[in-house]
């Protein structure tokens, strides 16, 4: 069933186009280095919870939207090798443009699927 990296982060609404451009660039790099699928999803129906929710988890502020994203890999081994190549890829090196989100509020991790339907 492969392996997945998952991400949740808040992005200022005014940076949606810049985030999309960065995500499209990064998704090509991930796919070039073994990822089978990259999904970047802009929050549309993300309700506030009574105990916790995406907004609180990501410390979303007014004027921001929570993004939910994942990268699928054929295996954890492919993910480990792929990440090494992604981080070394010149396309992922800083190019002087400002990152369109606050990386300190990004939640991320690697996941082993247990159900796939």
C-alpha atoms as a PDB file:
ATOM      1  CA  UNK A   1       0.000   0.000   0.000  1.00  0.00           C
ATOM      2  CA  UNK A   2       2.983   2.328  -0.090  1.00  0.00           C
ATOM      3  CA  UNK A   3       3.785   5.201   2.210  1.00  0.00           C
ATOM      4  CA  UNK A   4       2.541   8.773   2.608  1.00  0.00           C
ATOM      5  CA  UNK A   5       3.851  12.075   3.892  1.00  0.00           C
ATOM      6  CA  UNK A   6       1.091  14.304   5.234  1.00  0.00           C
ATOM      7  CA  UNK A   7       1.041  18.063   5.861  1.00  0.00           C
ATOM      8  CA  UNK A   8      -1.300  20.616   7.389  1.00  0.00           C
ATOM      9  CA  UNK A   9      -0.419  24.323   7.282  1.00  0.00           C
ATOM     10  CA  UNK A  10      -2.066  27.723   7.274  1.00  0.00           C
ATOM     11  CA  UNK A  11      -1.509  29.948   4.230  1.00  0.00           C
ATOM     12  CA  UNK A  12      -2.481  33.626   4.006  1.00  0.00           C
ATOM     13  CA  UNK A  13      -5.431  33.969   1.636  1.00  0.00           C
ATOM     14  CA  UNK A  14      -3.546  36.553  -0.412  1.00  0.00           C
ATOM     15  CA  UNK A  15      -0.752  34.033  -1.000  1.00  0.00           C
ATOM     16  CA  UNK A  16      -2.934  31.347  -2.579  1.00  0.00           C
ATOM     17  CA  UNK A  17      -1.513  31.822  -6.096  1.00  0.00           C
ATOM     18  CA  UNK A  18       2.076  31.974  -4.801  1.00  0.00           C
ATOM     19  CA  UNK A  19       1.467  28.829  -2.731  1.00  0.00           C
ATOM     20  CA  UNK A  20      -0.023  27.051  -5.744  1.00  0.00           C
ATOM     21  CA  UNK A  21       3.030  27.964  -7.859  1.00  0.00           C
ATOM     22  CA  UNK A  22       5.398  26.699  -5.160  1.00  0.00           C
ATOM     23  CA  UNK A  23       3.349  23.518  -4.738  1.00  0.00           C
ATOM     24  CA  UNK A  24       3.336  22.853  -8.500  1.00  0.00           C
ATOM     25  CA  UNK A  25       7.117  23.303  -8.619  1.00  0.00           C
ATOM     26  CA  UNK A  26       7.680  21.053  -5.599  1.00  0.00           C
ATOM     27  CA  UNK A  27       5.278  18.396  -6.876  1.00  0.00           C
ATOM     28  CA  UNK A  28       7.331  18.023 -10.078  1.00  0.00           C
ATOM     29  CA  UNK A  29      10.467  17.554  -7.987  1.00  0.00           C
ATOM     30  CA  UNK A  30       8.797  14.953  -5.755  1.00  0.00           C
ATOM     31  CA  UNK A  31       7.495  13.032  -8.772  1.00  0.00           C
ATOM     32  CA  UNK A  32      10.897  13.216 -10.473  1.00  0.00           C
ATOM     33  CA  UNK A  33      12.367  11.532  -7.397  1.00  0.00           C
ATOM     34  CA  UNK A  34       9.915   8.683  -6.932  1.00  0.00           C
ATOM     35  CA  UNK A  35       6.650  10.022  -5.519  1.00  0.00           C
ATOM     36  CA  UNK A  36       3.635   8.523  -7.249  1.00  0.00           C
ATOM     37  CA  UNK A  37       1.155  11.257  -6.344  1.00  0.00           C
ATOM     38  CA  UNK A  38       1.125  14.730  -4.794  1.00  0.00           C
ATOM     39  CA  UNK A  39      -2.088  16.382  -3.615  1.00  0.00           C
ATOM     40  CA  UNK A  40      -2.384  19.971  -2.360  1.00  0.00           C
ATOM     41  CA  UNK A  41      -5.879  20.779  -1.083  1.00  0.00           C
ATOM     42  CA  UNK A  42      -7.029  24.312  -0.160  1.00  0.00           C
ATOM     43  CA  UNK A  43      -9.458  24.305   2.785  1.00  0.00           C
ATOM     44  CA  UNK A  44     -13.068  24.725   1.686  1.00  0.00           C
ATOM     45  CA  UNK A  45     -15.282  23.125   4.336  1.00  0.00           C
ATOM     46  CA  UNK A  46     -13.159  23.051   7.490  1.00  0.00           C
ATOM     47  CA  UNK A  47     -15.415  23.459  10.522  1.00  0.00           C
ATOM     48  CA  UNK A  48     -14.373  24.671  13.941  1.00  0.00           C
ATOM     49  CA  UNK A  49     -14.428  21.845  16.472  1.00  0.00           C
ATOM     50  CA  UNK A  50     -15.418  21.807  20.125  1.00  0.00           C
ATOM     51  CA  UNK A  51     -12.112  20.388  21.355  1.00  0.00           C
ATOM     52  CA  UNK A  52      -9.714  20.586  18.413  1.00  0.00           C
ATOM     53  CA  UNK A  53      -9.726  21.247  14.694  1.00  0.00           C
ATOM     54  CA  UNK A  54      -7.415  22.006  11.783  1.00  0.00           C
ATOM     55  CA  UNK A  55      -7.424  25.756  12.473  1.00  0.00           C
ATOM     56  CA  UNK A  56      -6.297  25.342  16.080  1.00  0.00           C
ATOM     57  CA  UNK A  57      -3.782  22.646  15.236  1.00  0.00           C
ATOM     58  CA  UNK A  58      -2.112  24.887  12.642  1.00  0.00           C
ATOM     59  CA  UNK A  59      -2.544  28.116  14.673  1.00  0.00           C
ATOM     60  CA  UNK A  60      -4.547  29.605  11.796  1.00  0.00           C
ATOM     61  CA  UNK A  61      -5.003  33.353  11.994  1.00  0.00           C
ATOM     62  CA  UNK A  62      -7.680  35.584  10.460  1.00  0.00           C
ATOM     63  CA  UNK A  63      -7.167  35.878   6.721  1.00  0.00           C
ATOM     64  CA  UNK A  64      -5.577  32.427   6.402  1.00  0.00           C
ATOM     65  CA  UNK A  65      -6.805  29.108   5.032  1.00  0.00           C
ATOM     66  CA  UNK A  66      -5.678  25.671   6.151  1.00  0.00           C
ATOM     67  CA  UNK A  67      -4.058  23.539   3.449  1.00  0.00           C
ATOM     68  CA  UNK A  68      -4.113  19.734   3.693  1.00  0.00           C
ATOM     69  CA  UNK A  69      -1.554  17.963   1.535  1.00  0.00           C
ATOM     70  CA  UNK A  70       0.028  14.594   1.027  1.00  0.00           C
ATOM     71  CA  UNK A  71       2.707  12.903  -1.029  1.00  0.00           C
ATOM     72  CA  UNK A  72       2.347   9.218  -1.902  1.00  0.00           C
ATOM     73  CA  UNK A  73       5.359   6.946  -2.327  1.00  0.00           C
ATOM     74  CA  UNK A  74       5.595   3.307  -3.445  1.00  0.00           C
ATOM     75  CA  UNK A  75       7.294   2.362  -0.132  1.00  0.00           C
ATOM     76  CA  UNK A  76       8.963   3.857   2.915  1.00  0.00           C
ATOM     77  CA  UNK A  77      12.327   2.995   1.372  1.00  0.00           C
ATOM     78  CA  UNK A  78      11.411   4.927  -1.790  1.00  0.00           C
ATOM     79  CA  UNK A  79      10.328   7.839   0.404  1.00  0.00           C
ATOM     80  CA  UNK A  80      13.617   7.908   2.337  1.00  0.00           C
ATOM     81  CA  UNK A  81      15.661   7.771  -0.893  1.00  0.00           C
ATOM     82  CA  UNK A  82      13.337  10.243  -2.617  1.00  0.00           C
ATOM     83  CA  UNK A  83      13.520  12.815   0.169  1.00  0.00           C
ATOM     84  CA  UNK A  84      17.308  12.735   0.062  1.00  0.00           C
ATOM     85  CA  UNK A  85      17.195  13.489  -3.672  1.00  0.00           C
ATOM     86  CA  UNK A  86      14.466  16.128  -3.269  1.00  0.00           C
ATOM     87  CA  UNK A  87      16.471  18.035  -0.670  1.00  0.00           C
ATOM     88  CA  UNK A  88      19.581  17.926  -2.890  1.00  0.00           C
ATOM     89  CA  UNK A  89      17.684  18.971  -6.032  1.00  0.00           C
ATOM     90  CA  UNK A  90      18.684  22.465  -7.176  1.00  0.00           C
ATOM     91  CA  UNK A  91      15.018  23.299  -7.852  1.00  0.00           C
ATOM     92  CA  UNK A  92      14.354  23.052  -4.110  1.00  0.00           C
ATOM     93  CA  UNK A  93      17.155  25.397  -3.087  1.00  0.00           C
ATOM     94  CA  UNK A  94      16.255  28.936  -1.959  1.00  0.00           C
ATOM     95  CA  UNK A  95      15.946  31.248  -4.950  1.00  0.00           C
ATOM     96  CA  UNK A  96      15.353  34.541  -3.171  1.00  0.00           C
ATOM     97  CA  UNK A  97      11.549  34.446  -3.379  1.00  0.00           C
ATOM     98  CA  UNK A  98       9.669  34.588  -0.119  1.00  0.00           C
ATOM     99  CA  UNK A  99       8.004  31.373   1.036  1.00  0.00           C
ATOM    100  CA  UNK A 100       4.229  32.075   0.996  1.00  0.00           C
ATOM    101  CA  UNK A 101       3.524  30.510   4.412  1.00  0.00           C
ATOM    102  CA  UNK A 102       4.937  30.273   7.937  1.00  0.00           C
ATOM    103  CA  UNK A 103       6.852  26.997   8.012  1.00  0.00           C
ATOM    104  CA  UNK A 104       6.937  27.003  11.823  1.00  0.00           C
ATOM    105  CA  UNK A 105       3.213  26.253  11.807  1.00  0.00           C
ATOM    106  CA  UNK A 106       3.440  23.340   9.360  1.00  0.00           C
ATOM    107  CA  UNK A 107       2.427  19.981  10.822  1.00  0.00           C
ATOM    108  CA  UNK A 108       3.945  17.019   8.975  1.00  0.00           C
ATOM    109  CA  UNK A 109       4.774  13.368   9.288  1.00  0.00           C
ATOM    110  CA  UNK A 110       5.182  10.042   7.534  1.00  0.00           C
ATOM    111  CA  UNK A 111       2.407   7.460   7.567  1.00  0.00           C
ATOM    112  CA  UNK A 112       2.065   3.769   6.800  1.00  0.00           C
ATOM    113  CA  UNK A 113      -1.375   3.062   5.311  1.00  0.00           C
ATOM    114  CA  UNK A 114      -3.466   0.475   7.139  1.00  0.00           C
ATOM    115  CA  UNK A 115      -6.602   0.633   4.947  1.00  0.00           C
ATOM    116  CA  UNK A 116      -6.851   1.466   1.259  1.00  0.00           C
ATOM    117  CA  UNK A 117     -10.206   1.279  -0.482  1.00  0.00           C
END
